[in-house]
Amino acid sequence: MSREEFLTKLWIWLSLSGFALSGATYCLSRGRQKWDRFARYLYTFAFITLVVHVGFAYHLYHHWSQDAVYQETARQTAEIFGWNWGGGLYVNYAFMLGWLIDVIWWWRGLDTYHARPKLLAVVWQVFLLFIIFNATVVFASGIVRWLGLGLCFTLCLLWWLTSTSRTSYQPMRQTGDH
């Protein structure tokens, strides 16, 4: 593995790890603010490391050329789906912008973040999972595909197991382990 490949992959795996740990922590927090805050830190870390990953990919592989990134996206899409289309790049941009907005929203306060419409939260999480599934399963191979499949399955299982008990957020205002 080249230095460029190692650096680029290191940052995306840090991002995916941060996202997975954030999701697990959030699902298991059950309203405990310390856990929710820790999940928020992990979620922010995951976003920042995604941005670093994109920076490394643009710098090391595409020399900051938007056209080169678009062409590579089109090539990979054609390889998998037989459709020479680079528009998935703009889906990735929307994904990053949405994640930035979500991070900012969460930092504005746990109560306001938890009070957002449930449908919005579900749609956003499904979109995140869709992007992660495509990146780690559809467009990957070998061990990465299996790790991505395990990650997506585990997150879905956690969300499903905790969805019935987390229908509404009730912050615990006690001190101590809460």
N, C-alpha and C. Protein backbone atom coordinates (compact mmCIF):
# COMPACT_ATOMS: atom_id res chain seq x y z
N MET A 1 0.85 -1.17 0.00
CA MET A 1 0.00 0.00 0.00
C MET A 1 0.90 1.24 0.00
N SER A 2 0.60 2.16 -0.88
CA SER A 2 1.40 3.38 -0.99
C SER A 2 1.10 4.31 0.19
N ARG A 3 1.97 5.27 0.39
CA ARG A 3 1.78 6.26 1.44
C ARG A 3 0.48 7.03 1.21
N GLU A 4 0.21 7.40 -0.03
CA GLU A 4 -1.01 8.15 -0.37
C GLU A 4 -2.26 7.36 -0.04
N GLU A 5 -2.24 6.09 -0.42
CA GLU A 5 -3.40 5.24 -0.16
C GLU A 5 -3.60 5.04 1.34
N PHE A 6 -2.50 4.83 2.07
CA PHE A 6 -2.59 4.65 3.51
C PHE A 6 -3.19 5.88 4.18
N LEU A 7 -2.68 7.07 3.85
CA LEU A 7 -3.18 8.30 4.47
C LEU A 7 -4.66 8.54 4.16
N THR A 8 -5.04 8.31 2.92
CA THR A 8 -6.43 8.53 2.54
C THR A 8 -7.35 7.55 3.24
N LYS A 9 -6.97 6.29 3.27
CA LYS A 9 -7.80 5.27 3.92
C LYS A 9 -7.81 5.41 5.44
N LEU A 10 -6.70 5.81 6.02
CA LEU A 10 -6.64 6.00 7.47
C LEU A 10 -7.71 6.98 7.92
N TRP A 11 -7.83 8.10 7.22
CA TRP A 11 -8.78 9.13 7.64
C TRP A 11 -10.23 8.71 7.43
N ILE A 12 -10.52 7.95 6.41
CA ILE A 12 -11.91 7.52 6.24
C ILE A 12 -12.27 6.45 7.27
N TRP A 13 -11.31 5.61 7.63
CA TRP A 13 -11.62 4.61 8.65
C TRP A 13 -11.73 5.24 10.04
N LEU A 14 -10.98 6.30 10.27
CA LEU A 14 -11.18 7.05 11.52
C LEU A 14 -12.58 7.66 11.53
N SER A 15 -13.01 8.18 10.40
CA SER A 15 -14.35 8.76 10.29
C SER A 15 -15.43 7.71 10.52
N LEU A 16 -15.30 6.58 9.84
CA LEU A 16 -16.30 5.52 10.00
C LEU A 16 -16.32 4.99 11.43
N SER A 17 -15.15 4.86 12.04
CA SER A 17 -15.08 4.38 13.43
C SER A 17 -15.75 5.38 14.36
N GLY A 18 -15.46 6.67 14.16
CA GLY A 18 -16.09 7.70 14.98
C GLY A 18 -17.59 7.72 14.81
N PHE A 19 -18.05 7.55 13.56
CA PHE A 19 -19.48 7.52 13.30
C PHE A 19 -20.14 6.32 13.97
N ALA A 20 -19.51 5.15 13.85
CA ALA A 20 -20.07 3.93 14.45
C ALA A 20 -20.12 4.05 15.97
N LEU A 21 -19.05 4.53 16.57
CA LEU A 21 -19.03 4.70 18.02
C LEU A 21 -20.04 5.75 18.47
N SER A 22 -20.17 6.81 17.70
CA SER A 22 -21.16 7.84 18.01
C SER A 22 -22.57 7.27 17.96
N GLY A 23 -22.86 6.53 16.89
CA GLY A 23 -24.19 5.93 16.75
C GLY A 23 -24.50 4.97 17.88
N ALA A 24 -23.52 4.13 18.21
CA ALA A 24 -23.74 3.16 19.30
C ALA A 24 -23.92 3.88 20.63
N THR A 25 -23.09 4.87 20.90
CA THR A 25 -23.19 5.62 22.15
C THR A 25 -24.53 6.33 22.25
N TYR A 26 -24.94 6.96 21.17
CA TYR A 26 -26.22 7.69 21.16
C TYR A 26 -27.39 6.74 21.36
N CYS A 27 -27.38 5.61 20.66
CA CYS A 27 -28.48 4.65 20.78
C CYS A 27 -28.57 4.08 22.19
N LEU A 28 -27.46 3.90 22.83
CA LEU A 28 -27.45 3.30 24.16
C LEU A 28 -27.53 4.32 25.29
N SER A 29 -27.52 5.61 24.98
CA SER A 29 -27.46 6.65 26.01
C SER A 29 -28.74 6.75 26.83
N ARG A 30 -29.89 6.50 26.19
CA ARG A 30 -31.19 6.56 26.86
C ARG A 30 -31.40 7.87 27.63
N GLY A 31 -30.98 8.96 27.02
CA GLY A 31 -31.21 10.27 27.61
C GLY A 31 -30.17 10.74 28.61
N ARG A 32 -29.16 9.94 28.87
CA ARG A 32 -28.11 10.37 29.80
C ARG A 32 -27.25 11.41 29.09
N GLN A 33 -27.23 12.62 29.62
CA GLN A 33 -26.59 13.72 28.93
C GLN A 33 -25.09 13.53 28.74
N LYS A 34 -24.41 12.92 29.67
CA LYS A 34 -22.97 12.68 29.51
C LYS A 34 -22.72 11.79 28.29
N TRP A 35 -23.53 10.77 28.14
CA TRP A 35 -23.39 9.88 26.99
C TRP A 35 -23.74 10.61 25.70
N ASP A 36 -24.81 11.40 25.75
CA ASP A 36 -25.19 12.17 24.57
C ASP A 36 -24.08 13.14 24.16
N ARG A 37 -23.48 13.80 25.13
CA ARG A 37 -22.38 14.72 24.82
C ARG A 37 -21.20 13.97 24.21
N PHE A 38 -20.90 12.80 24.77
CA PHE A 38 -19.80 12.00 24.23
C PHE A 38 -20.11 11.57 22.80
N ALA A 39 -21.36 11.17 22.55
CA ALA A 39 -21.77 10.81 21.18
C ALA A 39 -21.60 12.00 20.25
N ARG A 40 -21.93 13.19 20.73
CA ARG A 40 -21.78 14.40 19.92
C ARG A 40 -20.31 14.66 19.59
N TYR A 41 -19.43 14.47 20.56
CA TYR A 41 -17.99 14.63 20.30
C TYR A 41 -17.52 13.64 19.23
N LEU A 42 -17.94 12.39 19.37
CA LEU A 42 -17.56 11.37 18.39
C LEU A 42 -18.12 11.68 17.00
N TYR A 43 -19.34 12.16 16.94
CA TYR A 43 -19.99 12.51 15.68
C TYR A 43 -19.25 13.67 15.00
N THR A 44 -18.84 14.64 15.80
CA THR A 44 -18.06 15.77 15.28
C THR A 44 -16.70 15.29 14.80
N PHE A 45 -16.05 14.45 15.58
CA PHE A 45 -14.76 13.86 15.18
C PHE A 45 -14.91 13.13 13.85
N ALA A 46 -15.98 12.37 13.71
CA ALA A 46 -16.21 11.62 12.48
C ALA A 46 -16.36 12.55 11.29
N PHE A 47 -17.07 13.65 11.47
CA PHE A 47 -17.23 14.62 10.39
C PHE A 47 -15.89 15.27 10.03
N ILE A 48 -15.15 15.70 11.03
CA ILE A 48 -13.87 16.36 10.77
C ILE A 48 -12.91 15.41 10.06
N THR A 49 -12.86 14.16 10.48
CA THR A 49 -11.96 13.22 9.82
C THR A 49 -12.42 12.89 8.41
N LEU A 50 -13.73 12.96 8.15
CA LEU A 50 -14.22 12.82 6.77
C LEU A 50 -13.69 13.95 5.91
N VAL A 51 -13.74 15.17 6.42
CA VAL A 51 -13.24 16.33 5.67
C VAL A 51 -11.74 16.17 5.39
N VAL A 52 -10.99 15.70 6.39
CA VAL A 52 -9.55 15.46 6.18
C VAL A 52 -9.35 14.39 5.11
N HIS A 53 -10.15 13.32 5.15
CA HIS A 53 -10.08 12.27 4.13
C HIS A 53 -10.29 12.85 2.73
N VAL A 54 -11.33 13.66 2.59
CA VAL A 54 -11.62 14.27 1.29
C VAL A 54 -10.46 15.17 0.85
N GLY A 55 -9.90 15.91 1.79
CA GLY A 55 -8.74 16.74 1.48
C GLY A 55 -7.56 15.93 0.98
N PHE A 56 -7.27 14.82 1.65
CA PHE A 56 -6.17 13.95 1.20
C PHE A 56 -6.47 13.38 -0.18
N ALA A 57 -7.69 12.93 -0.41
CA ALA A 57 -8.05 12.36 -1.71
C ALA A 57 -7.92 13.41 -2.81
N TYR A 58 -8.43 14.60 -2.58
CA TYR A 58 -8.33 15.67 -3.58
C TYR A 58 -6.88 16.03 -3.84
N HIS A 59 -6.08 16.13 -2.79
CA HIS A 59 -4.70 16.55 -2.95
C HIS A 59 -3.82 15.45 -3.57
N LEU A 60 -3.88 14.27 -3.00
CA LEU A 60 -2.96 13.20 -3.40
C LEU A 60 -3.35 12.49 -4.69
N TYR A 61 -4.64 12.40 -4.96
CA TYR A 61 -5.09 11.64 -6.13
C TYR A 61 -5.57 12.52 -7.28
N HIS A 62 -6.14 13.67 -6.98
CA HIS A 62 -6.80 14.45 -8.03
C HIS A 62 -6.20 15.84 -8.22
N HIS A 63 -5.18 16.17 -7.43
CA HIS A 63 -4.47 17.46 -7.56
C HIS A 63 -5.43 18.64 -7.59
N TRP A 64 -6.45 18.56 -6.75
CA TRP A 64 -7.46 19.60 -6.54
C TRP A 64 -8.25 19.91 -7.81
N SER A 65 -8.38 18.95 -8.70
CA SER A 65 -9.13 19.13 -9.94
C SER A 65 -10.54 18.56 -9.78
N GLN A 66 -11.53 19.44 -9.83
CA GLN A 66 -12.93 19.02 -9.77
C GLN A 66 -13.25 18.10 -10.93
N ASP A 67 -12.72 18.40 -12.10
CA ASP A 67 -12.98 17.58 -13.29
C ASP A 67 -12.41 16.17 -13.10
N ALA A 68 -11.24 16.07 -12.51
CA ALA A 68 -10.63 14.74 -12.28
C ALA A 68 -11.48 13.92 -11.32
N VAL A 69 -12.00 14.56 -10.28
CA VAL A 69 -12.84 13.85 -9.31
C VAL A 69 -14.13 13.40 -9.98
N TYR A 70 -14.72 14.28 -10.78
CA TYR A 70 -15.96 13.94 -11.48
C TYR A 70 -15.72 12.75 -12.42
N GLN A 71 -14.64 12.78 -13.17
CA GLN A 71 -14.33 11.69 -14.11
C GLN A 71 -14.08 10.37 -13.38
N GLU A 72 -13.40 10.43 -12.24
CA GLU A 72 -13.14 9.21 -11.47
C GLU A 72 -14.44 8.65 -10.89
N THR A 73 -15.31 9.54 -10.44
CA THR A 73 -16.62 9.11 -9.93
C THR A 73 -17.41 8.44 -11.05
N ALA A 74 -17.39 9.04 -12.24
CA ALA A 74 -18.09 8.47 -13.40
C ALA A 74 -17.50 7.11 -13.77
N ARG A 75 -16.19 6.98 -13.72
CA ARG A 75 -15.54 5.71 -14.06
C ARG A 75 -15.95 4.61 -13.09
N GLN A 76 -15.94 4.93 -11.80
CA GLN A 76 -16.31 3.93 -10.80
C GLN A 76 -17.79 3.55 -10.91
N THR A 77 -18.64 4.53 -11.18
CA THR A 77 -20.07 4.25 -11.34
C THR A 77 -20.30 3.37 -12.56
N ALA A 78 -19.58 3.65 -13.65
CA ALA A 78 -19.70 2.83 -14.86
C ALA A 78 -19.21 1.41 -14.60
N GLU A 79 -18.15 1.29 -13.83
CA GLU A 79 -17.59 -0.03 -13.51
C GLU A 79 -18.58 -0.89 -12.74
N ILE A 80 -19.32 -0.27 -11.81
CA ILE A 80 -20.25 -1.01 -10.96
C ILE A 80 -21.63 -1.16 -11.61
N PHE A 81 -22.15 -0.07 -12.18
CA PHE A 81 -23.52 -0.05 -12.67
C PHE A 81 -23.65 0.03 -14.19
N GLY A 82 -22.53 0.22 -14.90
CA GLY A 82 -22.60 0.34 -16.35
C GLY A 82 -23.13 1.68 -16.83
N TRP A 83 -23.12 2.66 -15.95
CA TRP A 83 -23.66 3.99 -16.27
C TRP A 83 -22.56 5.01 -16.01
N ASN A 84 -22.04 5.61 -17.06
CA ASN A 84 -20.94 6.57 -16.97
C ASN A 84 -21.47 7.92 -16.49
N TRP A 85 -21.60 8.07 -15.18
CA TRP A 85 -22.20 9.26 -14.59
C TRP A 85 -21.41 9.66 -13.35
N GLY A 86 -20.99 10.90 -13.29
CA GLY A 86 -20.22 11.38 -12.15
C GLY A 86 -21.02 12.17 -11.15
N GLY A 87 -22.34 12.23 -11.33
CA GLY A 87 -23.20 13.02 -10.46
C GLY A 87 -23.22 12.57 -9.02
N GLY A 88 -22.78 11.35 -8.76
CA GLY A 88 -22.68 10.89 -7.38
C GLY A 88 -21.76 11.79 -6.55
N LEU A 89 -20.86 12.47 -7.23
CA LEU A 89 -19.98 13.42 -6.56
C LEU A 89 -20.80 14.50 -5.86
N TYR A 90 -21.85 14.98 -6.52
CA TYR A 90 -22.69 16.02 -5.94
C TYR A 90 -23.55 15.48 -4.80
N VAL A 91 -23.87 14.20 -4.86
CA VAL A 91 -24.56 13.56 -3.73
C VAL A 91 -23.62 13.55 -2.52
N ASN A 92 -22.34 13.30 -2.77
CA ASN A 92 -21.36 13.33 -1.69
C ASN A 92 -21.22 14.74 -1.11
N TYR A 93 -21.25 15.75 -1.96
CA TYR A 93 -21.19 17.12 -1.46
C TYR A 93 -22.41 17.43 -0.60
N ALA A 94 -23.59 17.00 -1.05
CA ALA A 94 -24.81 17.21 -0.27
C ALA A 94 -24.71 16.48 1.07
N PHE A 95 -24.15 15.29 1.04
CA PHE A 95 -23.94 14.50 2.25
C PHE A 95 -23.06 15.26 3.24
N MET A 96 -21.95 15.81 2.76
CA MET A 96 -21.05 16.54 3.65
C MET A 96 -21.70 17.82 4.18
N LEU A 97 -22.43 18.52 3.34
CA LEU A 97 -23.11 19.73 3.78
C LEU A 97 -24.18 19.38 4.82
N GLY A 98 -24.95 18.33 4.56
CA GLY A 98 -25.95 17.90 5.52
C GLY A 98 -25.34 17.50 6.85
N TRP A 99 -24.20 16.82 6.80
CA TRP A 99 -23.54 16.41 8.03
C TRP A 99 -23.04 17.63 8.80
N LEU A 100 -22.48 18.61 8.09
CA LEU A 100 -22.04 19.83 8.74
C LEU A 100 -23.21 20.52 9.44
N ILE A 101 -24.33 20.63 8.76
CA ILE A 101 -25.52 21.25 9.35
C ILE A 101 -25.97 20.47 10.58
N ASP A 102 -25.95 19.15 10.50
CA ASP A 102 -26.37 18.32 11.62
C ASP A 102 -25.43 18.50 12.82
N VAL A 103 -24.13 18.57 12.55
CA VAL A 103 -23.16 18.79 13.63
C VAL A 103 -23.42 20.14 14.31
N ILE A 104 -23.60 21.18 13.50
CA ILE A 104 -23.85 22.52 14.06
C ILE A 104 -25.14 22.50 14.88
N TRP A 105 -26.17 21.87 14.35
CA TRP A 105 -27.45 21.79 15.06
C TRP A 105 -27.25 21.12 16.42
N TRP A 106 -26.50 20.02 16.43
CA TRP A 106 -26.29 19.30 17.68
C TRP A 106 -25.52 20.16 18.68
N TRP A 107 -24.54 20.93 18.20
CA TRP A 107 -23.76 21.78 19.10
C TRP A 107 -24.57 22.97 19.61
N ARG A 108 -25.67 23.28 18.97
CA ARG A 108 -26.51 24.38 19.46
C ARG A 108 -27.23 23.98 20.74
N GLY A 109 -27.28 22.70 21.06
CA GLY A 109 -27.87 22.26 22.32
C GLY A 109 -28.55 20.91 22.17
N LEU A 110 -28.37 20.08 23.18
CA LEU A 110 -28.95 18.75 23.15
C LEU A 110 -30.47 18.79 23.12
N ASP A 111 -31.06 19.72 23.87
CA ASP A 111 -32.53 19.78 23.90
C ASP A 111 -33.10 20.13 22.53
N THR A 112 -32.53 21.12 21.85
CA THR A 112 -33.04 21.49 20.53
C THR A 112 -32.78 20.39 19.51
N TYR A 113 -31.65 19.72 19.65
CA TYR A 113 -31.33 18.63 18.73
C TYR A 113 -32.31 17.47 18.89
N HIS A 114 -32.62 17.15 20.11
CA HIS A 114 -33.55 16.05 20.38
C HIS A 114 -35.00 16.42 20.07
N ALA A 115 -35.28 17.71 20.00
CA ALA A 115 -36.64 18.16 19.73
C ALA A 115 -36.94 18.25 18.23
N ARG A 116 -35.96 17.97 17.38
CA ARG A 116 -36.20 18.05 15.94
C ARG A 116 -37.23 17.00 15.54
N PRO A 117 -37.92 17.23 14.44
CA PRO A 117 -38.94 16.25 14.01
C PRO A 117 -38.33 14.86 13.82
N LYS A 118 -39.03 13.87 14.34
CA LYS A 118 -38.53 12.49 14.26
C LYS A 118 -38.33 12.05 12.80
N LEU A 119 -39.24 12.46 11.91
CA LEU A 119 -39.10 12.10 10.50
C LEU A 119 -37.80 12.64 9.92
N LEU A 120 -37.45 13.87 10.27
CA LEU A 120 -36.20 14.46 9.79
C LEU A 120 -35.00 13.65 10.28
N ALA A 121 -35.01 13.27 11.54
CA ALA A 121 -33.92 12.47 12.11
C ALA A 121 -33.81 11.11 11.41
N VAL A 122 -34.94 10.48 11.16
CA VAL A 122 -34.93 9.16 10.50
C VAL A 122 -34.44 9.28 9.06
N VAL A 123 -34.95 10.27 8.33
CA VAL A 123 -34.52 10.46 6.93
C VAL A 123 -33.02 10.73 6.87
N TRP A 124 -32.53 11.57 7.78
CA TRP A 124 -31.09 11.87 7.80
C TRP A 124 -30.27 10.62 8.09
N GLN A 125 -30.67 9.83 9.07
CA GLN A 125 -29.92 8.62 9.40
C GLN A 125 -29.95 7.60 8.26
N VAL A 126 -31.08 7.48 7.59
CA VAL A 126 -31.18 6.58 6.44
C VAL A 126 -30.25 7.06 5.33
N PHE A 127 -30.21 8.37 5.09
CA PHE A 127 -29.31 8.92 4.07
C PHE A 127 -27.85 8.65 4.43
N LEU A 128 -27.48 8.88 5.69
CA LEU A 128 -26.11 8.57 6.14
C LEU A 128 -25.78 7.10 5.90
N LEU A 129 -26.69 6.24 6.29
CA LEU A 129 -26.46 4.81 6.12
C LEU A 129 -26.35 4.44 4.64
N PHE A 130 -27.17 5.07 3.80
CA PHE A 130 -27.11 4.84 2.36
C PHE A 130 -25.72 5.20 1.81
N ILE A 131 -25.20 6.34 2.20
CA ILE A 131 -23.88 6.78 1.74
C ILE A 131 -22.81 5.82 2.24
N ILE A 132 -22.87 5.46 3.51
CA ILE A 132 -21.87 4.56 4.09
C ILE A 132 -21.95 3.18 3.43
N PHE A 133 -23.16 2.69 3.21
CA PHE A 133 -23.33 1.39 2.56
C PHE A 133 -22.72 1.41 1.15
N ASN A 134 -23.00 2.45 0.39
CA ASN A 134 -22.44 2.55 -0.95
C ASN A 134 -20.92 2.61 -0.92
N ALA A 135 -20.37 3.41 0.00
CA ALA A 135 -18.92 3.57 0.06
C ALA A 135 -18.20 2.31 0.53
N THR A 136 -18.82 1.59 1.46
CA THR A 136 -18.11 0.46 2.07
C THR A 136 -18.55 -0.91 1.57
N VAL A 137 -19.68 -0.98 0.89
CA VAL A 137 -20.16 -2.27 0.40
C VAL A 137 -20.24 -2.28 -1.12
N VAL A 138 -20.99 -1.36 -1.70
CA VAL A 138 -21.21 -1.36 -3.14
C VAL A 138 -19.92 -1.06 -3.91
N PHE A 139 -19.20 0.00 -3.50
CA PHE A 139 -18.01 0.42 -4.23
C PHE A 139 -16.72 -0.12 -3.63
N ALA A 140 -16.81 -1.06 -2.72
CA ALA A 140 -15.63 -1.65 -2.09
C ALA A 140 -15.56 -3.13 -2.41
N SER A 141 -14.47 -3.74 -2.00
CA SER A 141 -14.31 -5.18 -2.22
C SER A 141 -13.49 -5.77 -1.07
N GLY A 142 -13.43 -7.08 -1.04
CA GLY A 142 -12.61 -7.77 -0.05
C GLY A 142 -13.05 -7.52 1.37
N ILE A 143 -12.07 -7.37 2.25
CA ILE A 143 -12.33 -7.21 3.67
C ILE A 143 -13.09 -5.92 3.97
N VAL A 144 -12.84 -4.87 3.17
CA VAL A 144 -13.54 -3.60 3.38
C VAL A 144 -15.05 -3.79 3.21
N ARG A 145 -15.43 -4.56 2.21
CA ARG A 145 -16.85 -4.82 1.98
C ARG A 145 -17.47 -5.53 3.19
N TRP A 146 -16.78 -6.51 3.73
CA TRP A 146 -17.31 -7.24 4.88
C TRP A 146 -17.36 -6.38 6.12
N LEU A 147 -16.35 -5.56 6.33
CA LEU A 147 -16.36 -4.63 7.47
C LEU A 147 -17.51 -3.62 7.32
N GLY A 148 -17.69 -3.10 6.11
CA GLY A 148 -18.78 -2.17 5.86
C GLY A 148 -20.14 -2.81 6.07
N LEU A 149 -20.30 -4.02 5.62
CA LEU A 149 -21.56 -4.73 5.82
C LEU A 149 -21.83 -4.95 7.31
N GLY A 150 -20.79 -5.33 8.04
CA GLY A 150 -20.93 -5.50 9.49
C GLY A 150 -21.28 -4.20 10.18
N LEU A 151 -20.64 -3.11 9.77
CA LEU A 151 -20.93 -1.80 10.34
C LEU A 151 -22.38 -1.40 10.09
N CYS A 152 -22.83 -1.52 8.85
CA CYS A 152 -24.20 -1.14 8.51
C CYS A 152 -25.22 -2.02 9.24
N PHE A 153 -24.97 -3.31 9.29
CA PHE A 153 -25.87 -4.23 9.98
C PHE A 153 -25.95 -3.90 11.47
N THR A 154 -24.80 -3.67 12.09
CA THR A 154 -24.76 -3.37 13.52
C THR A 154 -25.50 -2.08 13.83
N LEU A 155 -25.29 -1.04 13.02
CA LEU A 155 -26.00 0.22 13.25
C LEU A 155 -27.51 0.06 13.08
N CYS A 156 -27.91 -0.67 12.05
CA CYS A 156 -29.35 -0.92 11.85
C CYS A 156 -29.94 -1.67 13.04
N LEU A 157 -29.25 -2.67 13.50
CA LEU A 157 -29.71 -3.46 14.65
C LEU A 157 -29.83 -2.59 15.89
N LEU A 158 -28.82 -1.76 16.16
CA LEU A 158 -28.88 -0.86 17.31
C LEU A 158 -30.04 0.12 17.21
N TRP A 159 -30.20 0.73 16.03
CA TRP A 159 -31.30 1.69 15.84
C TRP A 159 -32.65 1.00 16.05
N TRP A 160 -32.78 -0.20 15.52
CA TRP A 160 -34.04 -0.93 15.65
C TRP A 160 -34.30 -1.31 17.11
N LEU A 161 -33.29 -1.82 17.79
CA LEU A 161 -33.46 -2.26 19.17
C LEU A 161 -33.78 -1.11 20.11
N THR A 162 -33.24 0.06 19.81
CA THR A 162 -33.45 1.19 20.73
C THR A 162 -34.56 2.13 20.28
N SER A 163 -35.11 1.93 19.10
CA SER A 163 -36.11 2.88 18.58
C SER A 163 -37.39 2.91 19.41
N THR A 164 -37.79 1.78 19.93
CA THR A 164 -39.05 1.77 20.70
C THR A 164 -38.88 2.42 22.06
N SER A 165 -37.69 2.35 22.62
CA SER A 165 -37.50 2.94 23.94
C SER A 165 -37.07 4.40 23.86
N ARG A 166 -36.80 4.91 22.67
CA ARG A 166 -36.32 6.28 22.52
C ARG A 166 -37.27 7.10 21.66
N THR A 167 -38.56 6.86 21.83
CA THR A 167 -39.54 7.57 20.99
C THR A 167 -39.57 9.06 21.29
N SER A 168 -39.33 9.44 22.52
CA SER A 168 -39.23 10.86 22.82
C SER A 168 -38.09 11.07 23.79
N TYR A 169 -37.40 12.16 23.61
CA TYR A 169 -36.24 12.46 24.45
C TYR A 169 -36.69 13.12 25.73
N GLN A 170 -36.29 12.57 26.83
CA GLN A 170 -36.55 13.15 28.13
C GLN A 170 -35.21 13.32 28.82
N PRO A 171 -34.63 14.52 28.77
CA PRO A 171 -33.31 14.70 29.37
C PRO A 171 -33.34 14.44 30.87
N MET A 172 -32.35 13.75 31.32
CA MET A 172 -32.22 13.48 32.75
C MET A 172 -31.40 14.61 33.34
N ARG A 173 -31.96 15.33 34.26
CA ARG A 173 -31.30 16.51 34.80
C ARG A 173 -30.64 16.22 36.15
N GLN A 174 -30.34 14.97 36.37
CA GLN A 174 -29.71 14.60 37.63
C GLN A 174 -28.20 14.65 37.46
N THR A 175 -27.50 14.68 38.56
CA THR A 175 -26.05 14.64 38.51
C THR A 175 -25.59 13.21 38.67
N GLY A 176 -24.32 13.01 38.62
CA GLY A 176 -23.78 11.67 38.80
C GLY A 176 -23.58 10.98 37.47
N ASP A 177 -24.00 9.72 37.38
CA ASP A 177 -23.75 8.91 36.19
C ASP A 177 -24.72 9.19 35.05
N HIS A 178 -25.63 10.12 35.21
CA HIS A 178 -26.63 10.40 34.19
C HIS A 178 -26.10 11.43 33.31
